[in-house]
């Protein structure tokens, strides 16, 4: 009887496929399919992802755990989709009674990006006109930094100013960094040896190849993905706890 149970357990273990870490090409294909075939809207996806990022931050860094008197968070946004996700994340952090400040050096002319910017302004979230180069000023003013600069779209071999300077500053700060989807400056396809070193990574839809050896806290926000897409791309996503939209990997 014990032998039969042991064989059954082995067979069950063999059917559990490992979580897949995807390439830039695969992620682009999934997003295109969501927009074209499943009729998701770009604004809808960005809202889902931005809220999930804010929720992940509240799980790892609840307000009661922050060391400073005020629950301050610096959110650094880029000009592309990751930047829009950062704006939504900041808005939800404000709703959750954190005190986000946004640094957004190169704003996009895309109407969606502008809409998300206005929503933050209407909630009285302050925008920095410049990022202090003196690292201690950042360490003293904020509990956390959210890196929503250079995501899946960025070419890490050709990063243009002001982002190299910002990355140089982030490499020196002592407070925790939370990166959205792909840590800024990392190549999507492979682990980075010389980039920023975030404490938390929030992967969107599925983890990317660059995160295969990530040693910090790693969350996945992808519960909304239709089952047919999960099956087609063999994502092998983990089970999400209860009704949560996040799972820690």
Protein backbone atom coordinates (compact mmCIF):
# COMPACT_ATOMS: atom_id res chain seq x y z
CA UNK A 1 0.00 0.00 0.00
CA UNK A 2 2.83 2.37 0.93
CA UNK A 3 4.56 1.51 -2.34
CA UNK A 4 1.42 2.37 -4.32
CA UNK A 5 1.05 5.70 -2.53
CA UNK A 6 4.71 6.51 -3.14
CA UNK A 7 4.37 5.80 -6.87
CA UNK A 8 1.21 7.90 -7.04
CA UNK A 9 2.97 10.83 -5.36
CA UNK A 10 5.88 10.55 -7.77
CA UNK A 11 3.54 10.55 -10.76
CA UNK A 12 1.74 13.63 -9.44
CA UNK A 13 5.04 15.43 -8.86
CA UNK A 14 6.08 14.71 -12.44
CA UNK A 15 2.96 16.42 -13.81
CA UNK A 16 3.75 19.75 -12.12
CA UNK A 17 5.49 21.84 -14.74
CA UNK A 18 7.92 24.57 -13.65
CA UNK A 19 7.02 28.22 -14.00
CA UNK A 20 8.29 29.60 -17.31
CA UNK A 21 10.44 32.71 -17.57
CA UNK A 22 9.60 34.44 -20.83
CA UNK A 23 11.49 36.38 -23.49
CA UNK A 24 10.69 39.89 -24.66
CA UNK A 25 9.25 38.45 -27.88
CA UNK A 26 6.89 36.13 -26.01
CA UNK A 27 5.69 38.89 -23.68
CA UNK A 28 5.04 41.22 -26.62
CA UNK A 29 3.04 38.47 -28.35
CA UNK A 30 0.89 37.87 -25.26
CA UNK A 31 0.15 41.57 -24.81
CA UNK A 32 -0.70 41.95 -28.52
CA UNK A 33 -3.09 39.01 -28.27
CA UNK A 34 -4.77 40.45 -25.17
CA UNK A 35 -5.34 43.78 -26.93
CA UNK A 36 -6.27 42.46 -30.37
CA UNK A 37 -8.10 39.17 -29.79
CA UNK A 38 -9.39 39.44 -26.22
CA UNK A 39 -10.25 43.14 -26.55
CA UNK A 40 -8.57 44.26 -23.39
CA UNK A 41 -7.86 47.99 -23.39
CA UNK A 42 -4.41 49.46 -22.81
CA UNK A 43 -5.75 51.65 -20.02
CA UNK A 44 -7.42 48.61 -18.45
CA UNK A 45 -4.18 46.61 -18.38
CA UNK A 46 -2.13 49.50 -16.99
CA UNK A 47 -4.72 50.05 -14.24
CA UNK A 48 -4.67 46.35 -13.28
CA UNK A 49 -0.87 46.28 -13.16
CA UNK A 50 -0.49 49.58 -11.32
CA UNK A 51 -2.94 48.61 -8.60
CA UNK A 52 -1.25 45.21 -8.23
CA UNK A 53 2.13 46.92 -7.78
CA UNK A 54 0.72 49.14 -5.03
CA UNK A 55 -0.79 46.11 -3.28
CA UNK A 56 2.54 44.27 -3.43
CA UNK A 57 4.24 47.25 -1.80
CA UNK A 58 1.68 47.30 1.01
CA UNK A 59 2.29 43.58 1.64
CA UNK A 60 6.06 43.87 1.90
CA UNK A 61 6.17 47.33 3.49
CA UNK A 62 2.99 47.96 5.51
CA UNK A 63 2.79 51.51 6.84
CA UNK A 64 3.35 50.26 10.41
CA UNK A 65 6.76 48.85 9.38
CA UNK A 66 8.15 52.06 7.86
CA UNK A 67 10.90 53.70 9.87
CA UNK A 68 10.15 57.33 9.10
CA UNK A 69 7.38 59.34 10.70
CA UNK A 70 5.63 59.91 7.37
CA UNK A 71 4.93 56.97 4.97
CA UNK A 72 6.83 58.61 2.10
CA UNK A 73 7.54 56.78 -1.17
CA UNK A 74 9.44 58.10 -4.19
CA UNK A 75 8.05 56.80 -7.50
CA UNK A 76 10.36 57.31 -10.50
CA UNK A 77 8.48 57.06 -13.81
CA UNK A 78 9.76 56.69 -17.35
CA UNK A 79 8.11 57.88 -20.58
CA UNK A 80 6.71 54.53 -21.73
CA UNK A 81 4.27 51.94 -20.40
CA UNK A 82 6.24 51.19 -17.24
CA UNK A 83 6.03 54.90 -16.40
CA UNK A 84 2.24 54.84 -16.77
CA UNK A 85 2.10 51.81 -14.46
CA UNK A 86 4.19 53.79 -11.97
CA UNK A 87 1.70 56.67 -12.10
CA UNK A 88 -1.20 54.31 -11.37
CA UNK A 89 0.82 52.67 -8.60
CA UNK A 90 1.43 56.09 -7.01
CA UNK A 91 -2.28 56.94 -7.16
CA UNK A 92 -3.23 53.69 -5.42
CA UNK A 93 -0.51 54.16 -2.81
CA UNK A 94 -2.09 57.54 -2.08
CA UNK A 95 -5.50 55.85 -1.70
CA UNK A 96 -3.86 53.39 0.73
CA UNK A 97 -2.67 56.38 2.84
CA UNK A 98 0.97 56.36 1.80
CA UNK A 99 2.58 59.64 0.75
CA UNK A 100 3.98 59.15 -2.76
CA UNK A 101 6.07 61.72 -4.58
CA UNK A 102 6.64 61.29 -8.33
CA UNK A 103 9.77 62.06 -10.28
CA UNK A 104 8.86 62.07 -13.97
CA UNK A 105 11.68 63.68 -15.96
CA UNK A 106 10.48 62.91 -19.51
CA UNK A 107 6.74 62.95 -19.91
CA UNK A 108 5.06 61.17 -22.79
CA UNK A 109 2.77 62.90 -25.27
CA UNK A 110 0.54 59.79 -25.34
CA UNK A 111 -2.98 60.71 -24.22
CA UNK A 112 -3.24 57.76 -21.81
CA UNK A 113 0.00 58.75 -20.11
CA UNK A 114 -1.25 62.32 -19.81
CA UNK A 115 -4.54 61.10 -18.33
CA UNK A 116 -2.73 59.12 -15.63
CA UNK A 117 -0.57 62.16 -14.90
CA UNK A 118 -3.62 64.40 -14.45
CA UNK A 119 -5.22 61.83 -12.11
CA UNK A 120 -2.14 62.02 -9.87
CA UNK A 121 -2.10 65.82 -9.97
CA UNK A 122 -5.79 65.94 -9.04
CA UNK A 123 -5.02 63.79 -5.99
CA UNK A 124 -2.40 66.33 -4.89
CA UNK A 125 0.51 63.94 -5.38
CA UNK A 126 3.62 66.15 -5.65
CA UNK A 127 5.97 65.95 -8.65
CA UNK A 128 9.69 66.64 -8.23
CA UNK A 129 11.28 69.02 -10.71
CA UNK A 130 14.66 67.30 -10.26
CA UNK A 131 16.16 64.31 -8.48
CA UNK A 132 18.73 65.20 -5.81
CA UNK A 133 22.19 63.97 -6.75
CA UNK A 134 23.09 63.86 -3.07
CA UNK A 135 22.06 60.34 -2.18
CA UNK A 136 21.62 61.05 1.53
CA UNK A 137 18.82 63.51 0.78
CA UNK A 138 16.83 60.67 -0.82
CA UNK A 139 17.65 58.27 2.02
CA UNK A 140 16.48 60.85 4.57
CA UNK A 141 13.30 61.92 2.79
CA UNK A 142 11.79 58.58 1.67
CA UNK A 143 11.16 55.10 3.03
CA UNK A 144 11.11 53.40 -0.39
CA UNK A 145 11.82 54.00 -4.07
CA UNK A 146 9.63 52.54 -6.82
CA UNK A 147 11.54 51.99 -10.07
CA UNK A 148 9.02 52.37 -12.93
CA UNK A 149 11.47 53.81 -15.44
CA UNK A 150 12.67 51.43 -18.12
CA UNK A 151 10.57 48.35 -18.63
CA UNK A 152 10.11 45.72 -21.31
CA UNK A 153 10.30 48.29 -24.14
CA UNK A 154 13.71 49.70 -23.21
CA UNK A 155 16.95 48.92 -25.03
CA UNK A 156 19.40 48.50 -22.15
CA UNK A 157 22.36 48.91 -24.50
CA UNK A 158 21.24 52.40 -25.47
CA UNK A 159 19.82 54.14 -22.40
CA UNK A 160 19.53 57.88 -22.95
CA UNK A 161 19.78 60.68 -20.42
CA UNK A 162 18.54 61.42 -17.86
CA UNK A 163 18.20 57.72 -17.02
CA UNK A 164 21.90 56.71 -16.76
CA UNK A 165 22.34 59.44 -14.13
CA UNK A 166 19.25 58.30 -12.24
CA UNK A 167 20.44 54.68 -12.29
CA UNK A 168 23.84 55.77 -10.94
CA UNK A 169 22.06 57.48 -8.04
CA UNK A 170 19.82 54.45 -7.36
CA UNK A 171 22.86 52.18 -7.15
CA UNK A 172 24.04 54.21 -4.16
CA UNK A 173 20.88 54.63 -2.10
CA UNK A 174 20.38 52.65 1.11
CA UNK A 175 16.57 52.52 1.22
CA UNK A 176 14.70 49.63 -0.45
CA UNK A 177 13.98 49.68 -4.20
CA UNK A 178 10.89 48.06 -5.72
CA UNK A 179 11.15 47.45 -9.48
CA UNK A 180 8.16 47.12 -11.81
CA UNK A 181 8.36 44.13 -14.19
CA UNK A 182 11.99 44.57 -15.34
CA UNK A 183 14.53 46.40 -13.16
CA UNK A 184 15.68 49.50 -15.04
CA UNK A 185 18.90 48.94 -16.95
CA UNK A 186 18.51 45.16 -17.05
CA UNK A 187 18.37 43.18 -20.28
CA UNK A 188 15.01 41.38 -20.43
CA UNK A 189 16.64 38.20 -21.69
CA UNK A 190 19.30 37.56 -19.06
CA UNK A 191 20.19 38.27 -15.41
CA UNK A 192 22.02 41.55 -14.88
CA UNK A 193 25.48 41.71 -13.33
CA UNK A 194 25.92 45.48 -13.19
CA UNK A 195 22.54 47.13 -12.73
CA UNK A 196 20.51 48.34 -9.80
CA UNK A 197 19.77 45.69 -7.21
CA UNK A 198 16.11 45.95 -6.20
CA UNK A 199 14.86 44.42 -2.96
CA UNK A 200 11.49 43.60 -4.52
CA UNK A 201 10.52 42.73 -8.09
CA UNK A 202 6.90 42.74 -9.29
CA UNK A 203 6.59 40.73 -12.50
CA UNK A 204 3.57 41.46 -14.70
CA UNK A 205 1.67 38.59 -16.38
CA UNK A 206 4.70 36.22 -16.20
CA UNK A 207 8.28 36.56 -14.99
CA UNK A 208 10.93 37.48 -17.55
CA UNK A 209 14.14 35.55 -18.26
CA UNK A 210 16.22 38.18 -16.49
CA UNK A 211 14.47 37.33 -13.20
CA UNK A 212 15.38 33.63 -13.21
CA UNK A 213 18.03 34.10 -10.51
CA UNK A 214 16.47 37.04 -8.67
CA UNK A 215 17.16 36.63 -4.94
CA UNK A 216 14.91 39.32 -3.46
CA UNK A 217 11.17 39.18 -2.82
CA UNK A 218 9.49 38.37 -6.13
CA UNK A 219 5.77 38.84 -6.80
CA UNK A 220 3.70 37.92 -9.83
CA UNK A 221 0.66 39.96 -10.89
CA UNK A 222 -1.10 38.02 -13.63
CA UNK A 223 -4.29 36.51 -12.30
CA UNK A 224 -6.43 38.19 -14.97
CA UNK A 225 -4.81 36.23 -17.83
CA UNK A 226 -7.35 34.10 -19.76
CA UNK A 227 -6.79 30.35 -19.36
CA UNK A 228 -6.43 29.84 -23.11
CA UNK A 229 -3.45 32.21 -23.17
CA UNK A 230 -1.91 30.53 -20.14
CA UNK A 231 -2.25 27.16 -21.91
CA UNK A 232 -1.07 28.38 -25.33
CA UNK A 233 2.16 29.87 -23.95
CA UNK A 234 2.63 27.09 -21.35
CA UNK A 235 3.02 29.66 -18.58
CA UNK A 236 2.49 27.15 -15.74
CA UNK A 237 1.46 29.97 -13.41
CA UNK A 238 1.30 29.19 -9.69
CA UNK A 239 -1.96 29.14 -7.74
CA UNK A 240 -2.95 32.49 -6.28
CA UNK A 241 -3.97 32.49 -2.60
CA UNK A 242 -7.66 33.06 -1.94
CA UNK A 243 -8.92 35.99 -3.99
CA UNK A 244 -5.52 37.75 -4.15
CA UNK A 245 -4.35 39.26 -7.44
CA UNK A 246 -0.71 38.66 -6.38
CA UNK A 247 1.36 35.62 -5.54
CA UNK A 248 4.87 35.57 -4.10
CA UNK A 249 7.23 33.38 -6.13
